[in-house]
Amino acid sequence: MDFLVIDDDKTFRDAIGMLIDGEGHYAESVSSGERGLARLKEEKFSAVLLDLNLGAVNGLDILQQIHKSRPHLPVVMFTAQGNVKTAVEAMRRGAADYLEKPFSREQFHVVLARVQRFHQMSQSIELLEQEVKESKSQNPEPIFDFSAPEMLEAMEVLLRAAKTPASILIVGETGTGKTVLARAAHQQSHLSDKPFVTVSCPSLSQELLQSELFGHVKGSFTGAVRDHWGKVKAAAGGTLFLDEIGDLPMEIQPKLLRLLQEGEYERLGENVTRTANLRIIAATNRDLKKRMAEGAFREDLYFRLNVITVEMPPLRARPGDLLHFAEHYLKYFTLQCGRSLEGFSNDAIACLRAYSWPGNLRELRNAIERAVIMAKGDKLSAKDLPVELRTQAVGGATAGGDRPQGDSLISLAKVEERHLREVLKRTSSLAEAAGVLGIDQATLYRKRQKIGLE
């Protein structure tokens, strides 16, 4: 746990800091209520130890301000002039506990145990509130409403695996809904009331990613100004979701393997071995067997992750789901945008069916949202859709049915290449092209390299 100590007595701050550090926790100390409130805005702490007398400032007033901004944050009050009346008043105003100076190590241990229980309860409340908030936001992802046999099979495997402690590897192209599926596995498991914590493996440098995962101690690298508990600690008792695991740096892979096999890890810059009780779900759009052959992914880590594999088929392989998903997004975004649209025109349906959807569900969602905003009639028509949907069809046909010269059939890979070239030609930057395609810039960069565009 991370404690913030607010006390105007430096000797006491140093002593309580050593006591907290000795129990394996982190303590940061400030000398005034004003500075304490500022630190609470800047950083997230697990609990606050607050002096009742801060010079001219009453600690009970600081307590009230803390609870206005962080209502679930446990606060322990202490003072050298304690009495029953002030203790009752502190608890009435929301203090988690009360200590009278001087106190013994044993007394502090008792209070620490209470604070830890209080912190766990607060985390559960915050998790529940977040889930309620997400539910009320009407998440538009229709990931569980489908008819494709491939998806029915994938969901059957997922739901059977979800109720076990086994690691799950979700594979599939960008935008197919791997993150949504991972969260579904967590919600269907025995850990559903515990944290679900996500780490995006390609988003950070090796050093920062290691810190993000395992945490670090102060001074372990430039910019490490205080101790930090990583996502492994945050996911304790719950699920750690490693998104795009295929891009995990080789230097971190042995540490992840050790976490999987032995449940042990160390924070960056620290030699203290810690234990973690959590479940790992990983996802990737990479071919991990190919990555192993290239020496970019450890074979032992692959087999440890690959206990249960769930494959998400691309949208182009699920024609039965395409229009159903499009209608779902249409209803969602017409409600969000305050529009009244009666559905799709025939030419819009032809465009949707003809397009290869390299960005999958993410691209479909973006396309329908844009079309709802741009629509001028009572129905969503082809002219409301993004230009690439109107000009590209499977095999190169347009929405009007024209084919390129030769009238030849071509592979989906060639269709995707043509579409990438067309979008890149019509956009002014990688960021804009990635937004049109519904993929991230890193994925677009790799696809450009693959087809020989620099």
Protein backbone atom coordinates (compact mmCIF):
# COMPACT_ATOMS: atom_id res chain seq x y z
CA MET A 1 0.00 0.00 0.00
CA ASP A 2 1.02 3.62 -0.59
CA PHE A 3 0.55 5.90 2.43
CA LEU A 4 0.50 9.70 2.53
CA VAL A 5 1.54 11.06 5.94
CA ILE A 6 0.37 14.62 6.74
CA ASP A 7 2.04 15.94 9.92
CA ASP A 8 3.88 19.14 10.84
CA ASP A 9 6.35 17.30 13.10
CA LYS A 10 9.38 16.21 11.00
CA THR A 11 10.68 13.80 13.65
CA PHE A 12 7.34 12.02 13.75
CA ARG A 13 7.07 11.98 9.94
CA ASP A 14 10.48 10.32 9.66
CA ALA A 15 9.65 7.77 12.39
CA ILE A 16 6.26 6.77 10.93
CA GLY A 17 7.85 6.59 7.47
CA MET A 18 10.44 4.10 8.70
CA LEU A 19 7.74 2.07 10.43
CA ILE A 20 5.65 1.89 7.25
CA ASP A 21 8.68 1.04 5.09
CA GLY A 22 9.59 -1.70 7.54
CA GLU A 23 6.20 -3.32 6.95
CA GLY A 24 6.87 -3.46 3.19
CA HIS A 25 4.72 -0.47 2.25
CA TYR A 26 5.54 2.94 0.76
CA ALA A 27 5.27 6.21 2.72
CA GLU A 28 5.42 9.78 1.47
CA SER A 29 5.34 12.64 3.99
CA VAL A 30 4.26 16.28 3.77
CA SER A 31 4.23 18.98 6.44
CA SER A 32 0.91 20.71 5.76
CA GLY A 33 -2.69 20.00 4.89
CA GLU A 34 -2.47 22.18 1.82
CA ARG A 35 0.48 20.21 0.45
CA GLY A 36 -1.26 16.95 1.32
CA LEU A 37 -4.37 17.90 -0.65
CA ALA A 38 -2.17 18.87 -3.58
CA ARG A 39 -0.36 15.49 -3.54
CA LEU A 40 -3.70 13.67 -3.47
CA LYS A 41 -4.62 15.44 -6.71
CA GLU A 42 -1.27 14.53 -8.28
CA GLU A 43 -0.93 10.89 -7.15
CA LYS A 44 -3.11 7.97 -6.10
CA PHE A 45 -2.54 6.77 -2.53
CA SER A 46 -4.00 3.78 -0.71
CA ALA A 47 -4.52 5.57 2.64
CA VAL A 48 -3.76 8.82 4.49
CA LEU A 49 -2.34 9.28 8.01
CA LEU A 50 -3.45 12.74 9.12
CA ASP A 51 -2.54 14.75 12.21
CA LEU A 52 -5.41 16.44 14.00
CA ASN A 53 -3.33 19.53 14.82
CA LEU A 54 -1.49 21.10 11.88
CA GLY A 55 -0.48 24.42 13.37
CA ALA A 56 -3.32 26.84 12.75
CA VAL A 57 -5.15 24.29 10.59
CA ASN A 58 -7.59 21.76 12.03
CA GLY A 59 -6.98 18.27 10.67
CA LEU A 60 -10.74 17.56 10.75
CA ASP A 61 -11.24 20.26 8.10
CA ILE A 62 -8.58 18.60 5.93
CA LEU A 63 -10.36 15.28 6.49
CA GLN A 64 -13.58 16.71 5.08
CA GLN A 65 -11.79 18.08 2.02
CA ILE A 66 -10.14 14.71 1.41
CA HIS A 67 -13.49 12.93 1.49
CA LYS A 68 -15.01 15.41 -0.95
CA SER A 69 -12.49 14.43 -3.62
CA ARG A 70 -11.73 10.82 -2.57
CA PRO A 71 -14.78 9.50 -0.66
CA HIS A 72 -13.48 5.91 -0.47
CA LEU A 73 -9.92 6.77 0.65
CA PRO A 74 -9.26 5.52 4.23
CA VAL A 75 -7.91 8.22 6.56
CA VAL A 76 -6.39 7.53 10.00
CA MET A 77 -6.30 10.48 12.42
CA PHE A 78 -3.68 10.88 15.16
CA THR A 79 -2.83 13.50 17.76
CA ALA A 80 -0.83 13.98 20.96
CA GLN A 81 -3.91 15.39 22.66
CA GLY A 82 -6.45 12.71 21.99
CA ASN A 83 -9.64 12.22 23.89
CA VAL A 84 -12.89 10.37 23.40
CA LYS A 85 -14.68 13.45 22.10
CA THR A 86 -12.21 14.20 19.30
CA ALA A 87 -11.99 10.49 18.41
CA VAL A 88 -15.78 10.30 18.06
CA GLU A 89 -15.83 13.50 15.99
CA ALA A 90 -13.09 12.18 13.68
CA MET A 91 -14.97 8.93 13.10
CA ARG A 92 -18.22 10.84 12.56
CA ARG A 93 -16.58 12.86 9.82
CA GLY A 94 -15.42 9.72 8.04
CA ALA A 95 -12.06 8.71 9.54
CA ALA A 96 -11.31 5.01 9.18
CA ASP A 97 -9.49 4.86 12.53
CA TYR A 98 -7.77 6.89 15.25
CA LEU A 99 -4.37 6.70 16.96
CA GLU A 100 -3.15 8.63 19.97
CA LYS A 101 0.51 9.69 20.08
CA PRO A 102 2.71 8.12 21.21
CA PHE A 103 1.58 4.70 20.03
CA SER A 104 3.34 1.34 20.07
CA ARG A 105 4.28 -0.81 17.09
CA GLU A 106 1.59 -3.29 18.12
CA GLN A 107 -1.08 -0.58 18.16
CA PHE A 108 0.02 0.53 14.71
CA HIS A 109 -0.18 -3.06 13.41
CA VAL A 110 -3.78 -3.32 14.59
CA VAL A 111 -4.72 -0.09 12.81
CA LEU A 112 -2.74 -1.11 9.69
CA ALA A 113 -4.72 -4.37 9.46
CA ARG A 114 -7.98 -2.41 9.66
CA VAL A 115 -6.83 0.04 6.98
CA GLN A 116 -5.87 -2.83 4.68
CA ARG A 117 -9.35 -4.33 5.03
CA PHE A 118 -10.88 -0.89 4.48
CA HIS A 119 -8.71 -0.40 1.36
CA GLN A 120 -9.82 -3.75 -0.07
CA MET A 121 -13.47 -2.82 0.52
CA SER A 122 -12.90 0.57 -1.14
CA GLN A 123 -11.35 -1.10 -4.17
CA SER A 124 -14.36 -3.40 -4.46
CA ILE A 125 -16.73 -0.42 -4.27
CA GLU A 126 -14.78 1.49 -6.92
CA LEU A 127 -14.76 -1.59 -9.16
CA LEU A 128 -18.52 -2.01 -8.77
CA GLU A 129 -19.14 1.70 -9.48
CA GLN A 130 -16.97 1.48 -12.61
CA GLU A 131 -18.89 -1.56 -13.84
CA VAL A 132 -22.21 0.24 -13.26
CA LYS A 133 -20.87 3.31 -15.07
CA GLU A 134 -19.76 1.21 -18.04
CA SER A 135 -23.14 -0.52 -18.14
CA LYS A 136 -24.98 2.80 -18.13
CA SER A 137 -22.78 4.13 -20.91
CA GLN A 138 -24.44 1.56 -23.24
CA ASN A 139 -21.25 0.14 -24.65
CA PRO A 140 -22.01 -0.28 -28.36
CA GLU A 141 -19.93 -3.43 -28.87
CA PRO A 142 -22.30 -6.22 -30.03
CA ILE A 143 -19.62 -8.84 -29.47
CA PHE A 144 -21.93 -11.47 -27.94
CA ASP A 145 -24.80 -11.10 -30.41
CA PHE A 146 -23.80 -13.07 -33.49
CA SER A 147 -24.71 -16.00 -35.71
CA ALA A 148 -21.43 -17.05 -37.32
CA PRO A 149 -20.52 -20.67 -36.43
CA GLU A 150 -16.88 -19.62 -35.94
CA MET A 151 -17.90 -17.15 -33.24
CA LEU A 152 -20.25 -19.61 -31.56
CA GLU A 153 -17.36 -22.07 -31.34
CA ALA A 154 -14.98 -19.39 -30.01
CA MET A 155 -17.44 -18.36 -27.31
CA GLU A 156 -18.03 -21.95 -26.25
CA VAL A 157 -14.29 -22.42 -25.71
CA LEU A 158 -14.01 -19.09 -23.89
CA LEU A 159 -16.88 -19.72 -21.48
CA ARG A 160 -15.61 -23.19 -20.62
CA ALA A 161 -12.12 -21.83 -19.96
CA ALA A 162 -13.33 -18.77 -18.05
CA LYS A 163 -14.42 -20.81 -15.05
CA THR A 164 -10.95 -22.33 -14.63
CA PRO A 165 -7.66 -20.71 -13.49
CA ALA A 166 -5.99 -21.58 -16.82
CA SER A 167 -4.24 -18.88 -18.88
CA ILE A 168 -6.11 -17.86 -22.02
CA LEU A 169 -4.57 -16.65 -25.28
CA ILE A 170 -6.89 -14.73 -27.62
CA VAL A 171 -5.66 -14.39 -31.20
CA GLY A 172 -7.11 -12.40 -34.06
CA GLU A 173 -6.70 -9.37 -36.28
CA THR A 174 -6.76 -5.82 -34.97
CA GLY A 175 -10.29 -4.61 -34.22
CA THR A 176 -11.96 -8.02 -33.88
CA GLY A 177 -12.89 -7.47 -30.22
CA LYS A 178 -10.12 -9.30 -28.33
CA THR A 179 -10.22 -6.89 -25.38
CA VAL A 180 -13.98 -7.22 -25.06
CA LEU A 181 -13.63 -10.99 -25.12
CA ALA A 182 -10.94 -10.88 -22.41
CA ARG A 183 -13.18 -8.79 -20.17
CA ALA A 184 -16.02 -11.25 -20.80
CA ALA A 185 -13.80 -14.13 -19.68
CA HIS A 186 -13.02 -12.24 -16.48
CA GLN A 187 -16.69 -11.45 -15.82
CA GLN A 188 -17.66 -15.10 -16.32
CA SER A 189 -14.93 -16.36 -13.98
CA HIS A 190 -14.73 -16.82 -10.21
CA LEU A 191 -12.66 -13.58 -10.15
CA SER A 192 -15.45 -11.36 -11.51
CA ASP A 193 -15.58 -9.26 -8.33
CA LYS A 194 -11.80 -8.66 -8.44
CA PRO A 195 -9.80 -6.16 -10.54
CA PHE A 196 -9.43 -6.46 -14.31
CA VAL A 197 -6.22 -4.63 -15.23
CA THR A 198 -4.95 -4.04 -18.78
CA VAL A 199 -1.37 -3.54 -19.97
CA SER A 200 -0.73 -2.59 -23.61
CA CYS A 201 2.59 -4.26 -24.44
CA PRO A 202 3.67 -2.19 -27.50
CA SER A 203 2.76 1.20 -26.03
CA LEU A 204 5.88 1.87 -23.91
CA SER A 205 9.66 1.53 -24.00
CA GLN A 206 11.20 -1.59 -22.46
CA GLU A 207 12.11 0.19 -19.21
CA LEU A 208 8.76 1.92 -18.81
CA LEU A 209 6.85 -1.24 -19.72
CA GLN A 210 8.75 -3.20 -17.07
CA SER A 211 7.89 -0.50 -14.54
CA GLU A 212 4.27 -0.49 -15.71
CA LEU A 213 4.07 -4.25 -15.17
CA PHE A 214 6.13 -4.90 -12.06
CA GLY A 215 6.60 -1.46 -10.51
CA HIS A 216 9.82 0.32 -9.53
CA VAL A 217 11.57 1.88 -6.56
CA LYS A 218 12.66 5.48 -6.28
CA GLY A 219 15.81 6.24 -8.26
CA SER A 220 15.75 3.04 -10.33
CA PHE A 221 15.80 5.10 -13.54
CA THR A 222 15.63 8.71 -14.66
CA GLY A 223 12.26 10.13 -13.66
CA ALA A 224 11.57 7.54 -10.93
CA VAL A 225 10.97 10.12 -8.20
CA ARG A 226 9.00 7.81 -5.93
CA ASP A 227 8.25 4.15 -5.40
CA HIS A 228 5.59 2.75 -7.72
CA TRP A 229 3.52 -0.42 -7.58
CA GLY A 230 2.88 -1.83 -11.05
CA LYS A 231 -0.11 -3.44 -12.73
CA VAL A 232 0.77 -6.86 -11.29
CA LYS A 233 0.14 -5.45 -7.82
CA ALA A 234 -3.00 -3.63 -8.98
CA ALA A 235 -4.42 -6.88 -10.42
CA ALA A 236 -3.81 -8.86 -7.21
CA GLY A 237 -6.52 -11.50 -6.81
CA GLY A 238 -7.99 -10.69 -10.22
CA THR A 239 -7.06 -10.74 -13.90
CA LEU A 240 -4.08 -9.16 -15.68
CA PHE A 241 -4.81 -8.68 -19.39
CA LEU A 242 -1.72 -8.37 -21.59
CA ASP A 243 -2.82 -6.79 -24.85
CA GLU A 244 -0.65 -7.44 -27.94
CA ILE A 245 1.63 -9.86 -26.10
CA GLY A 246 3.41 -10.60 -29.38
CA ASP A 247 5.16 -7.22 -29.08
CA LEU A 248 6.48 -7.85 -25.56
CA PRO A 249 10.26 -7.13 -25.53
CA MET A 250 12.48 -10.22 -25.20
CA GLU A 251 14.15 -8.77 -22.10
CA ILE A 252 10.86 -8.78 -20.18
CA GLN A 253 9.65 -12.21 -21.35
CA PRO A 254 11.67 -14.24 -18.76
CA LYS A 255 10.21 -12.11 -15.98
CA LEU A 256 6.68 -12.73 -17.26
CA LEU A 257 7.40 -16.46 -17.55
CA ARG A 258 8.54 -16.50 -13.92
CA LEU A 259 5.36 -14.70 -12.88
CA LEU A 260 3.27 -17.28 -14.73
CA GLN A 261 5.13 -20.33 -13.43
CA GLU A 262 6.06 -19.33 -9.89
CA GLY A 263 3.90 -16.32 -9.12
CA GLU A 264 7.00 -14.29 -8.21
CA TYR A 265 8.45 -10.96 -9.37
CA GLU A 266 10.62 -8.02 -8.32
CA ARG A 267 10.08 -4.35 -8.83
CA LEU A 268 12.57 -2.55 -11.05
CA GLY A 269 15.61 -1.53 -8.99
CA GLU A 270 14.69 -3.77 -6.03
CA ASN A 271 15.95 -7.19 -4.90
CA VAL A 272 12.92 -8.05 -2.75
CA THR A 273 11.01 -11.02 -4.20
CA ARG A 274 7.24 -10.57 -4.07
CA THR A 275 4.40 -12.95 -4.79
CA ALA A 276 1.33 -12.38 -6.94
CA ASN A 277 -1.92 -14.31 -7.05
CA LEU A 278 -3.61 -13.46 -10.33
CA ARG A 279 -4.80 -14.85 -13.63
CA ILE A 280 -3.28 -13.84 -16.95
CA ILE A 281 -5.18 -13.44 -20.20
CA ALA A 282 -3.16 -12.41 -23.26
CA ALA A 283 -4.12 -11.29 -26.75
CA THR A 284 -2.21 -10.75 -29.99
CA ASN A 285 -2.70 -10.05 -33.68
CA ARG A 286 0.76 -11.53 -34.37
CA ASP A 287 1.64 -15.05 -35.50
CA LEU A 288 3.49 -16.16 -32.36
CA LYS A 289 4.90 -19.28 -34.01
CA LYS A 290 6.46 -17.07 -36.65
CA ARG A 291 7.75 -14.75 -33.93
CA MET A 292 9.34 -17.75 -32.22
CA ALA A 293 11.03 -18.80 -35.46
CA GLU A 294 12.40 -15.26 -35.79
CA GLY A 295 13.79 -15.39 -32.25
CA ALA A 296 11.46 -12.61 -31.08
CA PHE A 297 9.30 -14.70 -28.74
CA ARG A 298 10.30 -17.37 -26.22
CA GLU A 299 9.01 -20.86 -26.89
CA ASP A 300 8.56 -21.67 -23.18
CA LEU A 301 6.52 -18.49 -22.65
CA TYR A 302 4.36 -19.30 -25.68
CA PHE A 303 3.46 -22.75 -24.37
CA ARG A 304 2.82 -21.38 -20.88
CA LEU A 305 0.43 -18.75 -22.27
CA ASN A 306 -1.15 -21.09 -24.81
CA VAL A 307 -3.06 -23.31 -22.38
CA ILE A 308 -6.38 -22.33 -23.94
CA THR A 309 -6.49 -20.53 -27.31
CA VAL A 310 -9.52 -18.63 -28.55
CA GLU A 311 -9.41 -17.41 -32.15
CA MET A 312 -11.43 -14.35 -33.15
CA PRO A 313 -12.34 -14.62 -36.86
CA PRO A 314 -12.14 -11.40 -38.91
CA LEU A 315 -15.34 -9.62 -39.86
CA ARG A 316 -14.94 -10.52 -43.56
CA ALA A 317 -15.20 -14.21 -42.54
CA ARG A 318 -18.51 -13.54 -40.75
CA PRO A 319 -20.88 -12.19 -43.43
CA GLY A 320 -23.87 -13.33 -41.42
CA ASP A 321 -22.90 -10.98 -38.61
CA LEU A 322 -21.94 -7.96 -40.72
CA LEU A 323 -25.35 -6.38 -41.31
CA HIS A 324 -26.53 -7.27 -37.83
CA PHE A 325 -23.54 -5.45 -36.33
CA ALA A 326 -24.04 -2.50 -38.68
CA GLU A 327 -27.68 -2.19 -37.61
CA HIS A 328 -26.62 -2.38 -33.96
CA TYR A 329 -24.15 0.48 -34.41
CA LEU A 330 -26.71 2.46 -36.40
CA LYS A 331 -29.23 2.29 -33.55
CA TYR A 332 -26.58 3.20 -30.99
CA PHE A 333 -25.19 6.22 -32.82
CA THR A 334 -28.58 7.57 -33.94
CA LEU A 335 -29.49 7.64 -30.24
CA GLN A 336 -26.17 9.20 -29.25
CA CYS A 337 -26.35 11.86 -31.96
CA GLY A 338 -30.06 12.60 -31.57
CA ARG A 339 -30.82 11.51 -35.15
CA SER A 340 -33.79 9.62 -36.57
CA LEU A 341 -32.75 7.16 -39.28
CA GLU A 342 -34.93 4.29 -40.51
CA GLY A 343 -32.12 1.96 -41.53
CA PHE A 344 -29.88 1.42 -44.56
CA SER A 345 -30.71 2.04 -48.20
CA ASN A 346 -30.04 -0.77 -50.70
CA ASP A 347 -26.93 0.95 -52.08
CA ALA A 348 -25.53 1.34 -48.53
CA ILE A 349 -26.10 -2.37 -47.86
CA ALA A 350 -24.30 -3.18 -51.13
CA CYS A 351 -21.30 -1.09 -50.02
CA LEU A 352 -21.18 -2.75 -46.60
CA ARG A 353 -21.30 -6.23 -48.12
CA ALA A 354 -18.73 -5.48 -50.82
CA TYR A 355 -16.10 -4.03 -48.51
CA SER A 356 -13.36 -6.27 -47.03
CA TRP A 357 -13.19 -4.51 -43.60
CA PRO A 358 -9.46 -4.76 -42.83
CA GLY A 359 -10.10 -2.84 -39.59
CA ASN A 360 -12.88 -5.25 -38.59
CA LEU A 361 -15.43 -4.20 -35.95
CA ARG A 362 -13.47 -1.10 -35.00
CA GLU A 363 -13.53 0.14 -38.59
CA LEU A 364 -17.22 -0.74 -38.98
CA ARG A 365 -18.07 1.22 -35.85
CA ASN A 366 -16.12 4.27 -37.05
CA ALA A 367 -17.73 4.09 -40.50
CA ILE A 368 -21.28 3.90 -39.12
CA GLU A 369 -20.65 6.71 -36.62
CA ARG A 370 -19.36 8.96 -39.41
CA ALA A 371 -22.26 8.02 -41.67
CA VAL A 372 -24.85 8.83 -38.99
CA ILE A 373 -23.29 12.26 -38.52
CA MET A 374 -23.15 12.95 -42.28
CA ALA A 375 -26.55 11.48 -43.24
CA LYS A 376 -29.01 13.92 -44.82
CA GLY A 377 -31.99 11.67 -45.59
CA ASP A 378 -34.31 9.40 -43.63
CA LYS A 379 -32.12 6.40 -44.39
CA LEU A 380 -28.39 5.95 -44.32
CA SER A 381 -27.27 5.81 -47.96
CA ALA A 382 -24.04 4.91 -49.74
CA LYS A 383 -23.08 8.57 -50.18
CA ASP A 384 -23.08 8.96 -46.37
CA LEU A 385 -20.44 6.22 -45.96
CA PRO A 386 -16.66 6.90 -46.08
CA VAL A 387 -15.26 7.22 -49.59
CA GLU A 388 -13.27 3.99 -49.44
CA LEU A 389 -16.46 1.99 -48.90
CA ARG A 390 -18.01 3.55 -51.97
CA THR A 391 -15.02 2.92 -54.24
CA GLN A 392 -13.80 -0.51 -53.13
CA ALA A 393 -15.58 -3.84 -53.29
CA VAL A 394 -14.49 -7.43 -52.92
CA GLY A 395 -12.40 -8.27 -55.99
CA GLY A 396 -12.11 -4.55 -56.80
CA ALA A 397 -15.79 -3.93 -57.73
CA THR A 398 -17.40 -0.60 -56.96
CA ALA A 399 -20.77 -0.11 -55.29
CA GLY A 400 -22.26 0.10 -58.77
CA GLY A 401 -21.01 -3.35 -59.71
CA ASP A 402 -18.03 -2.42 -61.95
CA ARG A 403 -14.92 -4.62 -61.92
CA PRO A 404 -11.38 -3.78 -62.91
CA GLN A 405 -10.18 -4.87 -66.32
CA GLY A 406 -9.74 -8.61 -66.65
CA ASP A 407 -12.71 -9.38 -64.37
CA SER A 408 -10.39 -11.66 -62.40
CA LEU A 409 -10.81 -12.98 -58.90
CA ILE A 410 -8.11 -11.94 -56.41
CA SER A 411 -7.18 -12.87 -52.86
CA LEU A 412 -8.34 -11.01 -49.75
CA ALA A 413 -4.73 -10.06 -49.08
CA LYS A 414 -4.61 -8.31 -52.45
CA VAL A 415 -7.91 -6.57 -51.72
CA GLU A 416 -6.50 -5.30 -48.44
CA GLU A 417 -3.33 -4.09 -50.17
CA ARG A 418 -5.35 -2.17 -52.77
CA HIS A 419 -7.46 -0.63 -50.06
CA LEU A 420 -4.44 0.40 -47.99
CA ARG A 421 -2.87 2.06 -51.00
CA GLU A 422 -6.11 3.89 -51.82
CA VAL A 423 -6.59 5.18 -48.26
CA LEU A 424 -2.94 6.24 -47.96
CA LYS A 425 -3.22 8.09 -51.27
CA ARG A 426 -6.35 9.95 -50.20
CA THR A 427 -5.17 10.94 -46.69
CA SER A 428 -2.56 13.48 -45.67
CA SER A 429 -0.93 11.62 -42.75
CA LEU A 430 -0.49 8.22 -41.13
CA ALA A 431 -2.65 9.34 -38.23
CA GLU A 432 -5.51 10.26 -40.56
CA ALA A 433 -5.16 7.00 -42.52
CA ALA A 434 -5.13 4.96 -39.32
CA GLY A 435 -8.29 6.74 -38.18
CA VAL A 436 -10.05 5.94 -41.46
CA LEU A 437 -9.02 2.29 -41.27
CA GLY A 438 -9.88 1.96 -37.60
CA ILE A 439 -6.42 0.64 -36.66
CA ASP A 440 -3.54 2.09 -34.65
CA GLN A 441 -0.56 3.76 -36.33
CA ALA A 442 1.86 0.99 -35.34
CA THR A 443 -0.30 -1.61 -37.11
CA LEU A 444 -0.59 0.62 -40.18
CA TYR A 445 3.18 1.12 -40.21
CA ARG A 446 3.73 -2.67 -40.24
CA LYS A 447 1.17 -3.15 -43.01
CA ARG A 448 2.88 -0.44 -45.11
CA GLN A 449 6.22 -2.20 -44.72
CA LYS A 450 4.66 -5.53 -45.65
CA ILE A 451 3.39 -4.22 -49.00
CA GLY A 452 6.61 -2.32 -49.71
CA LEU A 453 5.48 1.23 -48.96
CA GLU A 454 8.02 3.31 -47.02
